């Protein structure tokens, strides 16, 4: 009698283990299949041709409160960059920041007279107005230089920047500058 009871209990236990194992394996396979399925991403709105032609550039300006150079991201048309990359970036720097917490660095009415790339050095020929920075501010010259240098060295082909004033080397800007 006792043996019969043990066999019945053992049989019931074995059935529970087999049935539980079957459903456990089936559950694990379903979870694995759900995780491996890749859903197609559907954007909320289509990207227009104009949006597809835009890229983000970093322009460096001085923060009003701290006086440190900070990047300002701008979204611009890639066509503008492809045709006149350096001219476009200088035009944006000369135009000043859009963010109210940043200050323009390059003196107003400064013009870019010419651009030349010599190896990895970008040579910028600036108009005489470039020398009209605030000479009483001890950081003004460095901020102006590194605003341009940091912006231009974002481009892979530029590692150094040299400045000419009205086509000539100027004593104030005779060095070749690299990113800080």
C-alpha atoms as a PDB file:
ATOM      1  CA  UNK A   1       0.000   0.000   0.000  1.00  0.00           C
ATOM      2  CA  UNK A   2       2.733   2.377   0.969  1.00  0.00           C
ATOM      3  CA  UNK A   3       4.664   1.558  -2.202  1.00  0.00           C
ATOM      4  CA  UNK A   4       1.593   2.180  -4.328  1.00  0.00           C
ATOM      5  CA  UNK A   5       1.100   5.614  -2.739  1.00  0.00           C
ATOM      6  CA  UNK A   6       4.769   6.497  -3.329  1.00  0.00           C
ATOM      7  CA  UNK A   7       4.570   5.455  -6.980  1.00  0.00           C
ATOM      8  CA  UNK A   8       1.405   7.553  -7.505  1.00  0.00           C
ATOM      9  CA  UNK A   9       2.957  10.634  -5.815  1.00  0.00           C
ATOM     10  CA  UNK A  10       6.170  10.153  -7.778  1.00  0.00           C
ATOM     11  CA  UNK A  11       4.169   9.800 -11.027  1.00  0.00           C
ATOM     12  CA  UNK A  12       2.143  12.964 -10.339  1.00  0.00           C
ATOM     13  CA  UNK A  13       5.345  14.837  -9.482  1.00  0.00           C
ATOM     14  CA  UNK A  14       6.975  13.625 -12.696  1.00  0.00           C
ATOM     15  CA  UNK A  15       3.970  14.764 -14.748  1.00  0.00           C
ATOM     16  CA  UNK A  16       4.112  18.238 -13.113  1.00  0.00           C
ATOM     17  CA  UNK A  17       7.836  18.513 -13.866  1.00  0.00           C
ATOM     18  CA  UNK A  18       7.392  17.470 -17.517  1.00  0.00           C
ATOM     19  CA  UNK A  19       4.374  19.752 -18.101  1.00  0.00           C
ATOM     20  CA  UNK A  20       6.041  22.661 -16.236  1.00  0.00           C
ATOM     21  CA  UNK A  21       9.268  22.174 -18.216  1.00  0.00           C
ATOM     22  CA  UNK A  22       7.357  22.109 -21.514  1.00  0.00           C
ATOM     23  CA  UNK A  23       5.532  25.363 -20.778  1.00  0.00           C
ATOM     24  CA  UNK A  24       8.700  26.945 -19.320  1.00  0.00           C
ATOM     25  CA  UNK A  25      10.677  26.203 -22.499  1.00  0.00           C
ATOM     26  CA  UNK A  26       7.804  27.421 -24.673  1.00  0.00           C
ATOM     27  CA  UNK A  27       7.587  30.685 -22.663  1.00  0.00           C
ATOM     28  CA  UNK A  28      11.369  31.240 -22.927  1.00  0.00           C
ATOM     29  CA  UNK A  29      11.297  30.689 -26.706  1.00  0.00           C
ATOM     30  CA  UNK A  30       8.434  33.176 -27.144  1.00  0.00           C
ATOM     31  CA  UNK A  31      10.307  35.821 -25.089  1.00  0.00           C
ATOM     32  CA  UNK A  32      13.459  35.251 -27.136  1.00  0.00           C
ATOM     33  CA  UNK A  33      11.515  35.545 -30.380  1.00  0.00           C
ATOM     34  CA  UNK A  34       9.845  38.792 -29.218  1.00  0.00           C
ATOM     35  CA  UNK A  35      13.219  40.304 -28.363  1.00  0.00           C
ATOM     36  CA  UNK A  36      14.788  39.286 -31.660  1.00  0.00           C
ATOM     37  CA  UNK A  37      11.994  40.749 -33.776  1.00  0.00           C
ATOM     38  CA  UNK A  38      13.009  44.173 -35.102  1.00  0.00           C
ATOM     39  CA  UNK A  39      10.261  46.645 -35.566  1.00  0.00           C
ATOM     40  CA  UNK A  40      10.473  49.087 -38.445  1.00  0.00           C
ATOM     41  CA  UNK A  41      10.977  52.709 -37.358  1.00  0.00           C
ATOM     42  CA  UNK A  42       8.324  54.977 -38.782  1.00  0.00           C
ATOM     43  CA  UNK A  43       9.106  58.681 -38.397  1.00  0.00           C
ATOM     44  CA  UNK A  44       6.349  60.966 -37.205  1.00  0.00           C
ATOM     45  CA  UNK A  45       6.862  63.166 -40.221  1.00  0.00           C
ATOM     46  CA  UNK A  46       8.801  62.831 -43.435  1.00  0.00           C
ATOM     47  CA  UNK A  47      12.134  64.633 -43.758  1.00  0.00           C
ATOM     48  CA  UNK A  48      11.895  67.325 -46.392  1.00  0.00           C
ATOM     49  CA  UNK A  49      14.541  67.781 -49.054  1.00  0.00           C
ATOM     50  CA  UNK A  50      15.518  71.078 -47.439  1.00  0.00           C
ATOM     51  CA  UNK A  51      16.019  69.416 -44.039  1.00  0.00           C
ATOM     52  CA  UNK A  52      18.121  66.687 -45.609  1.00  0.00           C
ATOM     53  CA  UNK A  53      20.465  69.344 -47.023  1.00  0.00           C
ATOM     54  CA  UNK A  54      21.199  70.924 -43.645  1.00  0.00           C
ATOM     55  CA  UNK A  55      24.061  70.302 -41.251  1.00  0.00           C
ATOM     56  CA  UNK A  56      25.087  71.575 -37.842  1.00  0.00           C
ATOM     57  CA  UNK A  57      28.240  73.654 -37.371  1.00  0.00           C
ATOM     58  CA  UNK A  58      29.805  74.898 -34.143  1.00  0.00           C
ATOM     59  CA  UNK A  59      30.679  78.581 -33.949  1.00  0.00           C
ATOM     60  CA  UNK A  60      32.597  79.878 -30.941  1.00  0.00           C
ATOM     61  CA  UNK A  61      31.611  83.080 -29.136  1.00  0.00           C
ATOM     62  CA  UNK A  62      32.325  84.596 -25.716  1.00  0.00           C
ATOM     63  CA  UNK A  63      29.896  83.987 -22.876  1.00  0.00           C
ATOM     64  CA  UNK A  64      28.799  87.298 -21.333  1.00  0.00           C
ATOM     65  CA  UNK A  65      29.071  86.249 -17.699  1.00  0.00           C
ATOM     66  CA  UNK A  66      32.297  84.234 -17.630  1.00  0.00           C
ATOM     67  CA  UNK A  67      34.192  85.529 -20.656  1.00  0.00           C
ATOM     68  CA  UNK A  68      34.876  81.942 -21.770  1.00  0.00           C
ATOM     69  CA  UNK A  69      34.537  80.757 -25.345  1.00  0.00           C
ATOM     70  CA  UNK A  70      31.513  78.546 -25.847  1.00  0.00           C
ATOM     71  CA  UNK A  71      30.206  76.822 -28.967  1.00  0.00           C
ATOM     72  CA  UNK A  72      26.916  77.823 -30.524  1.00  0.00           C
ATOM     73  CA  UNK A  73      25.377  75.223 -32.822  1.00  0.00           C
ATOM     74  CA  UNK A  74      23.896  76.489 -36.071  1.00  0.00           C
ATOM     75  CA  UNK A  75      21.892  74.642 -38.666  1.00  0.00           C
ATOM     76  CA  UNK A  76      22.970  75.698 -42.153  1.00  0.00           C
ATOM     77  CA  UNK A  77      22.431  74.559 -45.717  1.00  0.00           C
ATOM     78  CA  UNK A  78      25.131  72.156 -46.854  1.00  0.00           C
ATOM     79  CA  UNK A  79      25.256  73.871 -50.263  1.00  0.00           C
ATOM     80  CA  UNK A  80      26.574  77.034 -48.598  1.00  0.00           C
ATOM     81  CA  UNK A  81      29.336  75.037 -46.946  1.00  0.00           C
ATOM     82  CA  UNK A  82      30.263  73.079 -50.046  1.00  0.00           C
ATOM     83  CA  UNK A  83      30.827  76.135 -52.200  1.00  0.00           C
ATOM     84  CA  UNK A  84      32.574  78.507 -49.761  1.00  0.00           C
ATOM     85  CA  UNK A  85      33.181  76.697 -46.480  1.00  0.00           C
ATOM     86  CA  UNK A  86      35.641  79.112 -44.878  1.00  0.00           C
ATOM     87  CA  UNK A  87      33.883  82.222 -46.190  1.00  0.00           C
ATOM     88  CA  UNK A  88      30.529  81.013 -44.848  1.00  0.00           C
ATOM     89  CA  UNK A  89      31.913  80.195 -41.398  1.00  0.00           C
ATOM     90  CA  UNK A  90      33.676  83.582 -41.184  1.00  0.00           C
ATOM     91  CA  UNK A  91      30.488  85.322 -42.318  1.00  0.00           C
ATOM     92  CA  UNK A  92      28.591  83.617 -39.485  1.00  0.00           C
ATOM     93  CA  UNK A  93      31.293  84.511 -36.923  1.00  0.00           C
ATOM     94  CA  UNK A  94      31.406  88.143 -38.037  1.00  0.00           C
ATOM     95  CA  UNK A  95      27.595  88.273 -37.883  1.00  0.00           C
ATOM     96  CA  UNK A  96      27.712  87.340 -34.209  1.00  0.00           C
ATOM     97  CA  UNK A  97      25.794  84.883 -32.053  1.00  0.00           C
ATOM     98  CA  UNK A  98      22.059  84.295 -32.024  1.00  0.00           C
ATOM     99  CA  UNK A  99      22.119  83.367 -28.335  1.00  0.00           C
ATOM    100  CA  UNK A 100      21.623  86.392 -26.040  1.00  0.00           C
ATOM    101  CA  UNK A 101      24.045  84.942 -23.482  1.00  0.00           C
ATOM    102  CA  UNK A 102      26.937  85.134 -25.947  1.00  0.00           C
ATOM    103  CA  UNK A 103      28.815  88.160 -27.335  1.00  0.00           C
ATOM    104  CA  UNK A 104      30.242  88.807 -30.748  1.00  0.00           C
ATOM    105  CA  UNK A 105      34.015  88.572 -30.828  1.00  0.00           C
ATOM    106  CA  UNK A 106      35.072  89.918 -34.205  1.00  0.00           C
ATOM    107  CA  UNK A 107      34.802  93.706 -34.651  1.00  0.00           C
ATOM    108  CA  UNK A 108      31.914  94.968 -36.780  1.00  0.00           C
ATOM    109  CA  UNK A 109      32.592  95.726 -40.452  1.00  0.00           C
ATOM    110  CA  UNK A 110      35.502  93.248 -40.512  1.00  0.00           C
ATOM    111  CA  UNK A 111      35.712  91.559 -43.881  1.00  0.00           C
ATOM    112  CA  UNK A 112      37.374  88.395 -45.062  1.00  0.00           C
ATOM    113  CA  UNK A 113      39.512  89.445 -48.015  1.00  0.00           C
ATOM    114  CA  UNK A 114      40.916  86.068 -48.942  1.00  0.00           C
ATOM    115  CA  UNK A 115      41.348  82.462 -47.931  1.00  0.00           C
ATOM    116  CA  UNK A 116      44.152  80.062 -48.699  1.00  0.00           C
ATOM    117  CA  UNK A 117      44.891  76.593 -47.365  1.00  0.00           C
ATOM    118  CA  UNK A 118      48.539  75.540 -47.103  1.00  0.00           C
ATOM    119  CA  UNK A 119      48.709  71.915 -46.018  1.00  0.00           C
ATOM    120  CA  UNK A 120      46.731  71.815 -42.777  1.00  0.00           C
ATOM    121  CA  UNK A 121      47.119  75.567 -42.160  1.00  0.00           C
ATOM    122  CA  UNK A 122      44.280  77.905 -43.083  1.00  0.00           C
ATOM    123  CA  UNK A 123      45.484  81.402 -44.009  1.00  0.00           C
ATOM    124  CA  UNK A 124      42.827  84.087 -43.533  1.00  0.00           C
ATOM    125  CA  UNK A 125      43.357  87.563 -44.998  1.00  0.00           C
ATOM    126  CA  UNK A 126      41.309  89.959 -42.883  1.00  0.00           C
ATOM    127  CA  UNK A 127      40.502  93.627 -43.471  1.00  0.00           C
ATOM    128  CA  UNK A 128      42.045  96.336 -41.261  1.00  0.00           C
ATOM    129  CA  UNK A 129      38.887  96.469 -39.106  1.00  0.00           C
ATOM    130  CA  UNK A 130      40.085  93.194 -37.586  1.00  0.00           C
ATOM    131  CA  UNK A 131      42.592  95.282 -35.579  1.00  0.00           C
ATOM    132  CA  UNK A 132      39.776  97.346 -34.011  1.00  0.00           C
ATOM    133  CA  UNK A 133      39.161  94.878 -31.170  1.00  0.00           C
ATOM    134  CA  UNK A 134      38.893  96.188 -27.582  1.00  0.00           C
ATOM    135  CA  UNK A 135      42.572  96.573 -26.631  1.00  0.00           C
ATOM    136  CA  UNK A 136      41.655  97.492 -23.041  1.00  0.00           C
ATOM    137  CA  UNK A 137      40.190  94.009 -22.532  1.00  0.00           C
ATOM    138  CA  UNK A 138      43.204  91.748 -21.954  1.00  0.00           C
ATOM    139  CA  UNK A 139      41.290  88.678 -23.273  1.00  0.00           C
ATOM    140  CA  UNK A 140      39.729  90.315 -26.337  1.00  0.00           C
ATOM    141  CA  UNK A 141      42.531  89.425 -28.754  1.00  0.00           C
ATOM    142  CA  UNK A 142      42.795  85.811 -27.576  1.00  0.00           C
ATOM    143  CA  UNK A 143      39.016  85.389 -27.611  1.00  0.00           C
ATOM    144  CA  UNK A 144      38.872  86.758 -31.152  1.00  0.00           C
ATOM    145  CA  UNK A 145      41.697  84.507 -32.342  1.00  0.00           C
ATOM    146  CA  UNK A 146      40.418  81.347 -30.695  1.00  0.00           C
ATOM    147  CA  UNK A 147      36.842  82.009 -31.713  1.00  0.00           C
ATOM    148  CA  UNK A 148      38.065  81.670 -35.289  1.00  0.00           C
ATOM    149  CA  UNK A 149      40.654  78.940 -34.645  1.00  0.00           C
ATOM    150  CA  UNK A 150      38.245  76.711 -32.693  1.00  0.00           C
ATOM    151  CA  UNK A 151      35.544  77.165 -35.325  1.00  0.00           C
ATOM    152  CA  UNK A 152      37.831  76.454 -38.282  1.00  0.00           C
ATOM    153  CA  UNK A 153      39.600  73.478 -36.676  1.00  0.00           C
ATOM    154  CA  UNK A 154      36.226  71.752 -36.390  1.00  0.00           C
ATOM    155  CA  UNK A 155      36.892  71.002 -40.073  1.00  0.00           C
ATOM    156  CA  UNK A 156      39.061  67.910 -40.530  1.00  0.00           C
ATOM    157  CA  UNK A 157      41.444  69.502 -43.022  1.00  0.00           C
ATOM    158  CA  UNK A 158      42.342  72.456 -40.757  1.00  0.00           C
ATOM    159  CA  UNK A 159      44.697  72.110 -37.768  1.00  0.00           C
ATOM    160  CA  UNK A 160      46.239  75.610 -37.720  1.00  0.00           C
ATOM    161  CA  UNK A 161      45.180  79.144 -38.599  1.00  0.00           C
ATOM    162  CA  UNK A 162      47.365  82.061 -39.701  1.00  0.00           C
ATOM    163  CA  UNK A 163      46.144  85.630 -40.071  1.00  0.00           C
ATOM    164  CA  UNK A 164      47.083  88.301 -42.583  1.00  0.00           C
ATOM    165  CA  UNK A 165      45.813  91.879 -42.357  1.00  0.00           C
ATOM    166  CA  UNK A 166      45.152  93.506 -45.724  1.00  0.00           C
ATOM    167  CA  UNK A 167      47.345  90.866 -47.379  1.00  0.00           C
ATOM    168  CA  UNK A 168      50.367  91.383 -45.089  1.00  0.00           C
ATOM    169  CA  UNK A 169      51.742  89.773 -41.967  1.00  0.00           C
ATOM    170  CA  UNK A 170      50.894  91.938 -38.960  1.00  0.00           C
ATOM    171  CA  UNK A 171      53.075  91.979 -35.820  1.00  0.00           C
ATOM    172  CA  UNK A 172      50.041  91.401 -33.564  1.00  0.00           C
ATOM    173  CA  UNK A 173      48.993  88.302 -35.495  1.00  0.00           C
ATOM    174  CA  UNK A 174      52.282  86.939 -36.854  1.00  0.00           C
ATOM    175  CA  UNK A 175      52.022  83.530 -35.133  1.00  0.00           C
ATOM    176  CA  UNK A 176      50.345  80.397 -36.414  1.00  0.00           C
ATOM    177  CA  UNK A 177      47.541  79.453 -34.020  1.00  0.00           C
ATOM    178  CA  UNK A 178      46.298  76.001 -33.061  1.00  0.00           C
ATOM    179  CA  UNK A 179      43.204  74.959 -31.142  1.00  0.00           C
ATOM    180  CA  UNK A 180      43.276  75.413 -27.342  1.00  0.00           C
END
